[in-house]
Structure formats: structure tokens, C-alpha cells
């Protein structure tokens, strides 16, 4: 009888001490199962976020930016116009430097570096005219070097692609058209 009483007491102590431990272990396992997917989910970086990450890595002026799958390709010109970096920004915002030059012709980049309207400003103007997501932006100067614009491609939620030109001095959208799927813009200027 004493033996049964000792065994019963021992089992009771183990159950009382082990119960909370088992509950804590189960709660930790459940918490871990719910946290793993949350950590695995990556936020898709927007064009604005890619530009900011690139400029943090290599200070200067964004010359062009375009999305290729989950990666943003960003070209940045240094503030003195002599440097150039080709960067990739991943979906998580990580910047990888692909190439860096320090012997650029500063005179060729003078208009870009001096432009009142940056690539970031051009993206905001294009999005104000055509809500959606910026897919690319690039500095465009014509052959004789007189006209400077930002070309911005915006993809709208309904699937249309808008191509907007933004004036480098005023920040106003000067021309835009939608790609209707056959390679021609709706406004007929291709």
C-alpha cells in the first residue's frame, strides 16, 4: 500500500510539473509555425523604394531605373557627374553593385545632375497623371542636347501601360499615351 501511495504521489508531481511545460512547449511550437511563414514573406520593393535604396548605397542622381522580374536595375550618376554605378535592388531592398566607373565625362552628365526635377519627382508626376506602379524611368536628352525629359512607364491596375514624358524643369507631364497591346499608343504617336 505504501508503494502504491509513493507511486501515485510521484506520478502526481510529474503531471503537475510536466503539464505547464508541455503546454509551453506546444505554444512555442505553434508560435514557431506561425512565425516562419511571416518571416519568409518578402515585400516587393516599389520603384520609389528601389531608387531610395540605390541612392543610399551610391549617393548621386538616378539616371535610369527599370524592373526585370523581382530585380530593379538602377543606374546612378555621382553628384559631380564623373562617377557612375550600375546597381541591382532585390525584392527585399538589398543593393548589389554590378559595376562602378569613376572616369565618366562630367560634361555629358551636366544637364542630368543640374536638372530641377529628379527621377523621383518624375515618378510622382507620372503617378499623379496615371495611377498605378512605376515600371521604369529614364533620363532622355535628344540628339542636339536641347530637350531633356524623363520617360516614365506606369502600369495601371487594369493592365494598361502608360508612357509619360515629364519635363525636367517644371515636373509636368508633357506627353503621355497608353500602349493598347499592339505596339501603338492610343494617341497615335507610337
Protein backbone atom coordinates (compact mmCIF):
# COMPACT_ATOMS: atom_id res chain seq x y z
CA UNK A 1 0.00 0.00 0.00
CA UNK A 2 2.83 2.36 0.83
CA UNK A 3 4.37 1.52 -2.51
CA UNK A 4 1.16 2.47 -4.37
CA UNK A 5 0.92 5.71 -2.41
CA UNK A 6 4.52 6.66 -3.30
CA UNK A 7 3.97 5.85 -6.98
CA UNK A 8 0.72 7.86 -7.04
CA UNK A 9 2.42 10.82 -5.38
CA UNK A 10 5.33 10.67 -7.80
CA UNK A 11 3.02 10.48 -10.82
CA UNK A 12 1.01 13.45 -9.47
CA UNK A 13 4.15 15.55 -9.04
CA UNK A 14 5.35 14.72 -12.57
CA UNK A 15 1.95 15.56 -14.06
CA UNK A 16 1.68 18.80 -12.13
CA UNK A 17 5.19 19.92 -13.09
CA UNK A 18 5.10 18.49 -16.59
CA UNK A 19 1.68 19.84 -17.57
CA UNK A 20 2.69 23.51 -17.80
CA UNK A 21 5.95 22.56 -19.51
CA UNK A 22 4.06 20.56 -22.13
CA UNK A 23 1.63 23.47 -22.68
CA UNK A 24 4.53 25.91 -23.03
CA UNK A 25 6.29 23.59 -25.50
CA UNK A 26 3.10 23.24 -27.53
CA UNK A 27 2.56 27.01 -27.53
CA UNK A 28 6.15 27.60 -28.62
CA UNK A 29 5.79 25.09 -31.46
CA UNK A 30 2.52 26.74 -32.59
CA UNK A 31 4.11 30.18 -32.41
CA UNK A 32 7.10 28.98 -34.41
CA UNK A 33 4.81 27.52 -37.10
CA UNK A 34 3.00 30.84 -37.43
CA UNK A 35 6.19 32.97 -37.43
CA UNK A 36 8.12 31.04 -40.08
CA UNK A 37 5.75 31.97 -42.95
CA UNK A 38 5.70 35.60 -41.79
CA UNK A 39 9.49 35.77 -41.97
CA UNK A 40 9.58 34.01 -45.36
CA UNK A 41 7.25 36.58 -46.97
CA UNK A 42 9.17 39.34 -48.77
CA UNK A 43 7.79 42.75 -49.55
CA UNK A 44 8.10 43.73 -53.20
CA UNK A 45 10.12 46.94 -53.38
CA UNK A 46 8.50 49.71 -55.43
CA UNK A 47 10.37 51.89 -57.91
CA UNK A 48 10.47 54.64 -55.31
CA UNK A 49 11.92 52.25 -52.74
CA UNK A 50 14.48 50.91 -55.23
CA UNK A 51 15.60 54.46 -56.06
CA UNK A 52 15.95 55.33 -52.38
CA UNK A 53 17.94 52.16 -51.64
CA UNK A 54 20.24 52.75 -54.62
CA UNK A 55 20.89 56.38 -53.63
CA UNK A 56 21.64 55.34 -50.07
CA UNK A 57 24.22 52.88 -51.40
CA UNK A 58 25.68 55.26 -54.01
CA UNK A 59 24.77 58.93 -53.48
CA UNK A 60 24.06 60.87 -56.64
CA UNK A 61 21.27 61.21 -59.21
CA UNK A 62 19.23 58.35 -60.65
CA UNK A 63 19.75 58.21 -64.43
CA UNK A 64 17.53 55.21 -65.09
CA UNK A 65 15.59 52.55 -63.27
CA UNK A 66 13.70 49.54 -64.62
CA UNK A 67 12.16 46.38 -63.27
CA UNK A 68 13.23 42.97 -64.51
CA UNK A 69 11.31 40.25 -62.70
CA UNK A 70 11.89 40.74 -58.98
CA UNK A 71 15.00 42.90 -59.50
CA UNK A 72 15.31 46.62 -60.14
CA UNK A 73 18.23 47.79 -62.31
CA UNK A 74 19.27 51.28 -61.26
CA UNK A 75 21.94 53.49 -62.87
CA UNK A 76 23.19 56.31 -60.66
CA UNK A 77 25.44 59.21 -61.67
CA UNK A 78 27.56 60.76 -58.92
CA UNK A 79 26.82 64.34 -57.88
CA UNK A 80 29.95 65.61 -59.64
CA UNK A 81 28.97 63.81 -62.86
CA UNK A 82 32.22 61.82 -63.02
CA UNK A 83 31.05 58.61 -61.39
CA UNK A 84 28.54 56.01 -62.50
CA UNK A 85 27.22 52.94 -60.70
CA UNK A 86 25.10 50.11 -62.06
CA UNK A 87 23.12 48.66 -59.17
CA UNK A 88 20.58 45.90 -58.66
CA UNK A 89 17.95 46.18 -55.93
CA UNK A 90 16.26 42.93 -54.90
CA UNK A 91 12.64 42.49 -53.85
CA UNK A 92 13.79 42.72 -50.22
CA UNK A 93 15.64 46.01 -50.85
CA UNK A 94 19.16 44.60 -50.83
CA UNK A 95 21.51 46.53 -53.13
CA UNK A 96 24.18 44.76 -55.18
CA UNK A 97 26.74 46.79 -57.09
CA UNK A 98 27.26 45.40 -60.60
CA UNK A 99 29.71 47.98 -61.92
CA UNK A 100 31.27 51.29 -60.90
CA UNK A 101 33.12 53.78 -63.10
CA UNK A 102 34.89 56.91 -61.90
CA UNK A 103 36.05 58.30 -65.23
CA UNK A 104 32.77 59.48 -66.77
CA UNK A 105 32.69 62.67 -68.82
CA UNK A 106 31.13 65.17 -66.42
CA UNK A 107 30.06 67.42 -69.33
CA UNK A 108 27.84 64.62 -70.70
CA UNK A 109 26.04 64.36 -67.35
CA UNK A 110 25.84 68.09 -66.64
CA UNK A 111 22.15 68.51 -67.60
CA UNK A 112 21.10 65.44 -65.59
CA UNK A 113 23.00 66.49 -62.47
CA UNK A 114 21.66 70.07 -62.74
CA UNK A 115 18.03 69.10 -63.53
CA UNK A 116 15.50 70.64 -61.14
CA UNK A 117 13.28 67.57 -61.45
CA UNK A 118 14.77 64.28 -60.27
CA UNK A 119 13.75 60.78 -61.29
CA UNK A 120 11.82 60.53 -58.02
CA UNK A 121 9.92 63.75 -58.84
CA UNK A 122 9.18 62.47 -62.36
CA UNK A 123 7.77 59.23 -60.94
CA UNK A 124 5.45 61.21 -58.64
CA UNK A 125 4.24 63.37 -61.53
CA UNK A 126 3.59 60.36 -63.77
CA UNK A 127 1.72 58.55 -60.98
CA UNK A 128 -0.42 61.65 -60.39
CA UNK A 129 -1.40 61.60 -64.07
CA UNK A 130 -1.76 57.81 -64.31
CA UNK A 131 -2.24 55.91 -61.03
CA UNK A 132 -0.52 52.55 -60.89
CA UNK A 133 3.01 51.27 -60.40
CA UNK A 134 6.11 52.75 -61.99
CA UNK A 135 7.87 50.09 -64.07
CA UNK A 136 10.70 52.21 -65.45
CA UNK A 137 12.07 55.73 -65.55
CA UNK A 138 14.92 57.07 -67.65
CA UNK A 139 16.61 60.37 -68.44
CA UNK A 140 16.22 61.27 -72.10
CA UNK A 141 18.09 64.02 -73.87
CA UNK A 142 17.66 64.43 -77.58
CA UNK A 143 20.46 64.31 -80.13
CA UNK A 144 21.28 68.02 -80.05
CA UNK A 145 21.15 68.14 -76.25
CA UNK A 146 18.48 70.85 -76.02
CA UNK A 147 15.40 68.93 -74.86
CA UNK A 148 15.58 66.95 -71.65
CA UNK A 149 12.75 64.83 -70.33
CA UNK A 150 12.12 61.93 -68.04
CA UNK A 151 10.42 58.94 -69.69
CA UNK A 152 8.28 57.11 -67.15
CA UNK A 153 6.42 53.85 -67.74
CA UNK A 154 3.46 53.25 -65.43
CA UNK A 155 1.40 50.05 -65.29
CA UNK A 156 -2.14 50.69 -64.14
CA UNK A 157 -4.20 48.26 -62.06
CA UNK A 158 -6.33 47.45 -65.13
CA UNK A 159 -3.25 46.21 -67.01
CA UNK A 160 -2.63 49.20 -69.28
CA UNK A 161 0.87 50.57 -69.71
CA UNK A 162 1.18 54.36 -69.75
CA UNK A 163 4.26 56.07 -71.14
CA UNK A 164 4.64 59.59 -69.79
CA UNK A 165 7.22 62.25 -70.58
CA UNK A 166 7.95 64.62 -67.70
CA UNK A 167 9.64 67.98 -68.27
CA UNK A 168 12.98 68.21 -66.46
CA UNK A 169 12.42 71.83 -65.39
CA UNK A 170 8.72 72.01 -64.50
CA UNK A 171 7.90 68.47 -63.44
CA UNK A 172 4.77 68.50 -65.60
CA UNK A 173 3.70 65.57 -67.74
CA UNK A 174 4.10 66.95 -71.27
CA UNK A 175 3.06 63.90 -73.24
CA UNK A 176 1.62 60.51 -72.45
CA UNK A 177 -0.01 57.61 -74.17
CA UNK A 178 -1.21 54.14 -73.40
CA UNK A 179 0.07 51.01 -75.06
CA UNK A 180 -3.06 49.25 -76.33
CA UNK A 181 -1.30 45.92 -76.77
CA UNK A 182 -0.41 46.15 -80.49
CA UNK A 183 2.65 48.36 -80.05
CA UNK A 184 0.85 51.61 -80.90
CA UNK A 185 -0.05 54.31 -78.43
CA UNK A 186 -3.67 55.42 -78.22
CA UNK A 187 -2.69 58.93 -79.21
CA UNK A 188 -1.10 57.62 -82.41
CA UNK A 189 2.45 58.85 -81.82
CA UNK A 190 3.78 55.34 -81.11
